[in-house]
Every structure is written in C-alpha cells, then in structure tokens.
Amino acid sequence: MLPLLARLEAEDCSRFIHRIIDGICGRALPRYRDYGSVWSLVEWMEILEETSAFVKHVSGKHLIDEEILQLLNGLAAPHQEAVLNCLKGRKEELKSALIEKTNAVSSAQLQNFDWQLKTPLLNLDLDVRENGVLKPVSIEMDKEELQTLIHSLEAANKVVLQIK
C-alpha cells in the first residue's frame, strides 16, 4: 500500500483517505476515473483493498499516533501526517461505522443460529463392520438428508432383491 500511496501528493493523499473512510462509513468510495492517471486498474484494486483494511485495522485497534506512524514508516512525513490527520479527524465516525457493521454481522449470525436451532435433526449411530472390525459411525441429518438416505437404502434393497 505504501509505495502506491506515495505516488499521490500529500494533499491528494488526504482526499483519497477521506474517500476511503467515506466508503467504510457507507458512502461513496473514491472513483478510479479520478485516479486512473496515478494507478493502473490492478494497482487501483490493490490500493482500495489495502487502504480500507489498514484504516479498519488502525481504527479497530485504537492505536496511538506513534503506533500509526510506525505502520506508515516508509511514507514521506507529509503523507504520514495527512493519513494521521484523516484518521484522527474522523475517529468517532469510523468507530460508529465499524460498530454498526459488527452489530449487523452479529445480528445476521444470530438469526442464522436461531434458524439452525429450530431445524429438527436426526442423530443416527451405526456399527459398521470393515475388514472384520466393528467401527461406530455417527451421522447427523436434517429432514432432507434423511429422505435422501431412505431413497438410497430403498434403491440398494431393490438391487439386492434382484440379485437373489
């Protein structure tokens, strides 16, 4: 991320970071057409992904300025300051957006978990003989999987009856 970010002037770097933060907060991300002269399309995808990940990481870890500057080591001082000022200036907004996204994911997971709790399951324990040795096999199935097993066993039974 750092070598790609260094291609921008410090002022443009600040604008770019603000647009990344906008995207994290649910607004428009920066547009390639505004930066197509700076990065190739592949580099554009890379800088978007890596910069977003960096901003989320730094915001989520509540790092102090010195720790952030260490992570930005390799960028010129004006660029470091531009990134740091953007992060500091929009700290609360980023925090709220990240908490909101985390809550949304957690709610979706809880709804999915609640649905899973309401799904009836069958636990089938079998003793399977393999090479003369009995091995216990446990299978957990939902209604659809049970129907598939029943149909397979019925088909196998028909084949065995035809062989007799």
C-alpha atoms as a PDB file:
ATOM      1  CA  MET A   1       0.000   0.000   0.000  1.00  0.00           C
ATOM      2  CA  LEU A   2       2.713   2.479   0.991  1.00  0.00           C
ATOM      3  CA  PRO A   3       4.581   2.638  -2.343  1.00  0.00           C
ATOM      4  CA  LEU A   4       1.296   3.117  -4.187  1.00  0.00           C
ATOM      5  CA  LEU A   5       0.076   5.758  -1.750  1.00  0.00           C
ATOM      6  CA  ALA A   6       3.380   7.617  -2.071  1.00  0.00           C
ATOM      7  CA  ARG A   7       2.563   8.354  -5.720  1.00  0.00           C
ATOM      8  CA  LEU A   8      -0.028  10.902  -4.598  1.00  0.00           C
ATOM      9  CA  GLU A   9       0.771  14.397  -3.464  1.00  0.00           C
ATOM     10  CA  ALA A  10       0.169  14.800   0.291  1.00  0.00           C
ATOM     11  CA  GLU A  11      -2.969  16.895  -0.327  1.00  0.00           C
ATOM     12  CA  ASP A  12      -4.351  14.285  -2.740  1.00  0.00           C
ATOM     13  CA  CYS A  13      -3.406  11.589  -0.252  1.00  0.00           C
ATOM     14  CA  SER A  14      -5.596  13.282   2.340  1.00  0.00           C
ATOM     15  CA  ARG A  15      -8.540  13.459  -0.093  1.00  0.00           C
ATOM     16  CA  PHE A  16      -8.049   9.810  -1.020  1.00  0.00           C
ATOM     17  CA  ILE A  17      -8.003   8.654   2.623  1.00  0.00           C
ATOM     18  CA  HIS A  18     -11.146  10.690   3.342  1.00  0.00           C
ATOM     19  CA  ARG A  19     -12.895   8.976   0.425  1.00  0.00           C
ATOM     20  CA  ILE A  20     -11.779   5.569   1.724  1.00  0.00           C
ATOM     21  CA  ILE A  21     -13.254   6.479   5.109  1.00  0.00           C
ATOM     22  CA  ASP A  22     -16.439   7.614   3.332  1.00  0.00           C
ATOM     23  CA  GLY A  23     -16.672   4.154   1.783  1.00  0.00           C
ATOM     24  CA  ILE A  24     -16.181   2.427   5.128  1.00  0.00           C
ATOM     25  CA  CYS A  25     -18.905   4.642   6.565  1.00  0.00           C
ATOM     26  CA  GLY A  26     -21.351   3.617   3.854  1.00  0.00           C
ATOM     27  CA  ARG A  27     -20.897   6.465   1.428  1.00  0.00           C
ATOM     28  CA  ALA A  28     -19.155   6.555  -1.968  1.00  0.00           C
ATOM     29  CA  LEU A  29     -15.642   5.191  -2.308  1.00  0.00           C
ATOM     30  CA  PRO A  30     -13.091   7.057  -4.427  1.00  0.00           C
ATOM     31  CA  ARG A  31     -13.564   6.550  -8.170  1.00  0.00           C
ATOM     32  CA  TYR A  32     -10.975   5.046 -10.466  1.00  0.00           C
ATOM     33  CA  ARG A  33     -11.550   7.738 -13.061  1.00  0.00           C
ATOM     34  CA  ASP A  34     -10.279  10.304 -10.557  1.00  0.00           C
ATOM     35  CA  TYR A  35      -7.050   8.339 -10.008  1.00  0.00           C
ATOM     36  CA  GLY A  36      -6.580   6.475 -13.304  1.00  0.00           C
ATOM     37  CA  SER A  37      -3.582   8.610 -14.160  1.00  0.00           C
ATOM     38  CA  VAL A  38      -1.870   7.569 -10.910  1.00  0.00           C
ATOM     39  CA  TRP A  39      -2.550   3.805 -10.761  1.00  0.00           C
ATOM     40  CA  SER A  40      -3.316   1.013 -13.187  1.00  0.00           C
ATOM     41  CA  LEU A  41      -6.584  -0.854 -12.690  1.00  0.00           C
ATOM     42  CA  VAL A  42      -4.798  -3.703 -10.889  1.00  0.00           C
ATOM     43  CA  GLU A  43      -2.997  -1.223  -8.646  1.00  0.00           C
ATOM     44  CA  TRP A  44      -6.312   0.563  -8.067  1.00  0.00           C
ATOM     45  CA  MET A  45      -7.962  -2.598  -6.775  1.00  0.00           C
ATOM     46  CA  GLU A  46      -4.936  -3.270  -4.585  1.00  0.00           C
ATOM     47  CA  ILE A  47      -4.770   0.253  -3.112  1.00  0.00           C
ATOM     48  CA  LEU A  48      -8.510   0.277  -2.384  1.00  0.00           C
ATOM     49  CA  GLU A  49      -8.435  -3.064  -0.607  1.00  0.00           C
ATOM     50  CA  GLU A  50      -5.223  -2.498   1.324  1.00  0.00           C
ATOM     51  CA  THR A  51      -6.018   1.065   2.365  1.00  0.00           C
ATOM     52  CA  SER A  52      -9.513   0.089   3.543  1.00  0.00           C
ATOM     53  CA  ALA A  53      -8.053  -2.809   5.515  1.00  0.00           C
ATOM     54  CA  PHE A  54      -5.410  -0.508   7.017  1.00  0.00           C
ATOM     55  CA  VAL A  55      -7.963   2.112   8.086  1.00  0.00           C
ATOM     56  CA  LYS A  56     -10.236  -0.540   9.614  1.00  0.00           C
ATOM     57  CA  HIS A  57      -7.306  -2.174  11.397  1.00  0.00           C
ATOM     58  CA  VAL A  58      -5.974   1.070  12.835  1.00  0.00           C
ATOM     59  CA  SER A  59      -9.444   2.243  13.873  1.00  0.00           C
ATOM     60  CA  GLY A  60     -10.408  -1.080  15.381  1.00  0.00           C
ATOM     61  CA  LYS A  61      -7.200  -1.396  17.407  1.00  0.00           C
ATOM     62  CA  HIS A  62      -7.384   2.136  18.852  1.00  0.00           C
ATOM     63  CA  LEU A  63      -3.695   2.693  18.158  1.00  0.00           C
ATOM     64  CA  ILE A  64      -1.920   5.793  19.397  1.00  0.00           C
ATOM     65  CA  ASP A  65      -0.359   8.232  16.938  1.00  0.00           C
ATOM     66  CA  GLU A  66       3.150   6.829  17.323  1.00  0.00           C
ATOM     67  CA  GLU A  67       1.965   3.291  16.536  1.00  0.00           C
ATOM     68  CA  ILE A  68       0.138   4.507  13.435  1.00  0.00           C
ATOM     69  CA  LEU A  69       3.202   6.430  12.286  1.00  0.00           C
ATOM     70  CA  GLN A  70       5.299   3.257  12.731  1.00  0.00           C
ATOM     71  CA  LEU A  71       2.908   1.414  10.434  1.00  0.00           C
ATOM     72  CA  LEU A  72       3.276   4.245   7.924  1.00  0.00           C
ATOM     73  CA  ASN A  73       7.068   4.120   8.085  1.00  0.00           C
ATOM     74  CA  GLY A  74       8.233   4.319   4.501  1.00  0.00           C
ATOM     75  CA  LEU A  75       5.934   7.168   3.540  1.00  0.00           C
ATOM     76  CA  ALA A  76       7.207  10.726   3.462  1.00  0.00           C
ATOM     77  CA  ALA A  77       6.382  12.799   6.544  1.00  0.00           C
ATOM     78  CA  PRO A  78       3.721  14.928   4.760  1.00  0.00           C
ATOM     79  CA  HIS A  79       1.919  11.755   3.675  1.00  0.00           C
ATOM     80  CA  GLN A  80       2.135  10.282   7.166  1.00  0.00           C
ATOM     81  CA  GLU A  81       0.662  13.440   8.635  1.00  0.00           C
ATOM     82  CA  ALA A  82      -2.095  13.507   6.014  1.00  0.00           C
ATOM     83  CA  VAL A  83      -3.134   9.933   6.842  1.00  0.00           C
ATOM     84  CA  LEU A  84      -2.857  10.516  10.588  1.00  0.00           C
ATOM     85  CA  ASN A  85      -4.928  13.727  10.429  1.00  0.00           C
ATOM     86  CA  CYS A  86      -7.666  11.977   8.443  1.00  0.00           C
ATOM     87  CA  LEU A  87      -7.810   9.120  10.937  1.00  0.00           C
ATOM     88  CA  LYS A  88      -7.830  11.442  13.944  1.00  0.00           C
ATOM     89  CA  GLY A  89     -10.402  13.797  12.452  1.00  0.00           C
ATOM     90  CA  ARG A  90     -12.858  11.032  11.639  1.00  0.00           C
ATOM     91  CA  LYS A  91     -12.105   8.727  14.540  1.00  0.00           C
ATOM     92  CA  GLU A  92     -15.613   8.795  16.045  1.00  0.00           C
ATOM     93  CA  GLU A  93     -17.319   8.399  12.684  1.00  0.00           C
ATOM     94  CA  LEU A  94     -15.127   5.395  11.869  1.00  0.00           C
ATOM     95  CA  LYS A  95     -15.739   3.891  15.291  1.00  0.00           C
ATOM     96  CA  SER A  96     -19.513   4.193  14.880  1.00  0.00           C
ATOM     97  CA  ALA A  97     -19.446   2.725  11.369  1.00  0.00           C
ATOM     98  CA  LEU A  98     -17.318  -0.241  12.417  1.00  0.00           C
ATOM     99  CA  ILE A  99     -19.513  -0.924  15.451  1.00  0.00           C
ATOM    100  CA  GLU A 100     -22.627  -0.723  13.280  1.00  0.00           C
ATOM    101  CA  LYS A 101     -21.168  -3.182  10.772  1.00  0.00           C
ATOM    102  CA  THR A 102     -20.138  -5.538  13.563  1.00  0.00           C
ATOM    103  CA  ASN A 103     -23.621  -5.388  15.072  1.00  0.00           C
ATOM    104  CA  ALA A 104     -25.199  -6.073  11.674  1.00  0.00           C
ATOM    105  CA  VAL A 105     -22.996  -9.121  11.144  1.00  0.00           C
ATOM    106  CA  SER A 106     -23.677 -10.347  14.678  1.00  0.00           C
ATOM    107  CA  SER A 107     -27.445  -9.944  14.214  1.00  0.00           C
ATOM    108  CA  ALA A 108     -27.333 -11.867  10.949  1.00  0.00           C
ATOM    109  CA  GLN A 109     -25.318 -14.636  12.597  1.00  0.00           C
ATOM    110  CA  LEU A 110     -27.774 -14.805  15.498  1.00  0.00           C
ATOM    111  CA  GLN A 111     -30.721 -15.054  13.112  1.00  0.00           C
ATOM    112  CA  ASN A 112     -28.972 -17.842  11.238  1.00  0.00           C
ATOM    113  CA  PHE A 113     -28.123 -19.579  14.520  1.00  0.00           C
ATOM    114  CA  ASP A 114     -31.742 -19.232  15.687  1.00  0.00           C
ATOM    115  CA  TRP A 115     -32.907 -20.829  12.440  1.00  0.00           C
ATOM    116  CA  GLN A 116     -30.423 -23.664  12.929  1.00  0.00           C
ATOM    117  CA  LEU A 117     -31.709 -24.263  16.448  1.00  0.00           C
ATOM    118  CA  LYS A 118     -35.236 -24.720  15.094  1.00  0.00           C
ATOM    119  CA  THR A 119     -34.155 -27.249  12.447  1.00  0.00           C
ATOM    120  CA  PRO A 120     -35.060 -30.803  13.515  1.00  0.00           C
ATOM    121  CA  LEU A 121     -32.133 -33.192  13.230  1.00  0.00           C
ATOM    122  CA  LEU A 122     -31.731 -36.952  13.394  1.00  0.00           C
ATOM    123  CA  ASN A 123     -28.710 -38.498  15.066  1.00  0.00           C
ATOM    124  CA  LEU A 124     -28.040 -41.932  13.604  1.00  0.00           C
ATOM    125  CA  ASP A 125     -25.477 -44.206  15.246  1.00  0.00           C
ATOM    126  CA  LEU A 126     -24.336 -47.202  13.199  1.00  0.00           C
ATOM    127  CA  ASP A 127     -21.929 -50.054  13.843  1.00  0.00           C
ATOM    128  CA  VAL A 128     -20.124 -50.661  10.564  1.00  0.00           C
ATOM    129  CA  ARG A 129     -18.023 -53.762  10.013  1.00  0.00           C
ATOM    130  CA  GLU A 130     -14.905 -53.020   7.986  1.00  0.00           C
ATOM    131  CA  ASN A 131     -12.287 -55.751   7.460  1.00  0.00           C
ATOM    132  CA  GLY A 132     -13.843 -57.717  10.286  1.00  0.00           C
ATOM    133  CA  VAL A 133     -13.602 -54.814  12.719  1.00  0.00           C
ATOM    134  CA  LEU A 134     -16.678 -53.041  14.078  1.00  0.00           C
ATOM    135  CA  LYS A 135     -16.455 -49.255  13.876  1.00  0.00           C
ATOM    136  CA  PRO A 136     -19.018 -46.887  15.346  1.00  0.00           C
ATOM    137  CA  VAL A 137     -20.224 -44.215  12.894  1.00  0.00           C
ATOM    138  CA  SER A 138     -22.381 -41.261  13.952  1.00  0.00           C
ATOM    139  CA  ILE A 139     -24.325 -39.216  11.426  1.00  0.00           C
ATOM    140  CA  GLU A 140     -26.391 -36.083  11.983  1.00  0.00           C
ATOM    141  CA  MET A 141     -29.002 -35.364   9.308  1.00  0.00           C
ATOM    142  CA  ASP A 142     -31.754 -32.901   8.658  1.00  0.00           C
ATOM    143  CA  LYS A 143     -35.074 -33.987   7.135  1.00  0.00           C
ATOM    144  CA  GLU A 144     -33.859 -33.601   3.544  1.00  0.00           C
ATOM    145  CA  GLU A 145     -30.707 -35.636   4.147  1.00  0.00           C
ATOM    146  CA  LEU A 146     -32.761 -38.339   5.870  1.00  0.00           C
ATOM    147  CA  GLN A 147     -35.074 -38.562   2.833  1.00  0.00           C
ATOM    148  CA  THR A 148     -32.034 -38.941   0.560  1.00  0.00           C
ATOM    149  CA  LEU A 149     -30.656 -41.725   2.768  1.00  0.00           C
ATOM    150  CA  ILE A 150     -34.013 -43.542   2.792  1.00  0.00           C
ATOM    151  CA  HIS A 151     -34.273 -43.372  -1.003  1.00  0.00           C
ATOM    152  CA  SER A 152     -30.692 -44.650  -1.358  1.00  0.00           C
ATOM    153  CA  LEU A 153     -31.348 -47.551   1.025  1.00  0.00           C
ATOM    154  CA  GLU A 154     -34.584 -48.433  -0.818  1.00  0.00           C
ATOM    155  CA  ALA A 155     -32.717 -48.437  -4.145  1.00  0.00           C
ATOM    156  CA  ALA A 156     -29.973 -50.630  -2.658  1.00  0.00           C
ATOM    157  CA  ASN A 157     -32.600 -53.007  -1.269  1.00  0.00           C
ATOM    158  CA  LYS A 158     -34.193 -53.360  -4.751  1.00  0.00           C
ATOM    159  CA  VAL A 159     -30.798 -54.263  -6.226  1.00  0.00           C
ATOM    160  CA  VAL A 160     -30.184 -56.870  -3.507  1.00  0.00           C
ATOM    161  CA  LEU A 161     -33.647 -58.378  -4.090  1.00  0.00           C
ATOM    162  CA  GLN A 162     -32.955 -58.616  -7.836  1.00  0.00           C
ATOM    163  CA  ILE A 163     -29.672 -60.399  -7.200  1.00  0.00           C
ATOM    164  CA  LYS A 164     -31.357 -63.082  -5.012  1.00  0.00           C
END
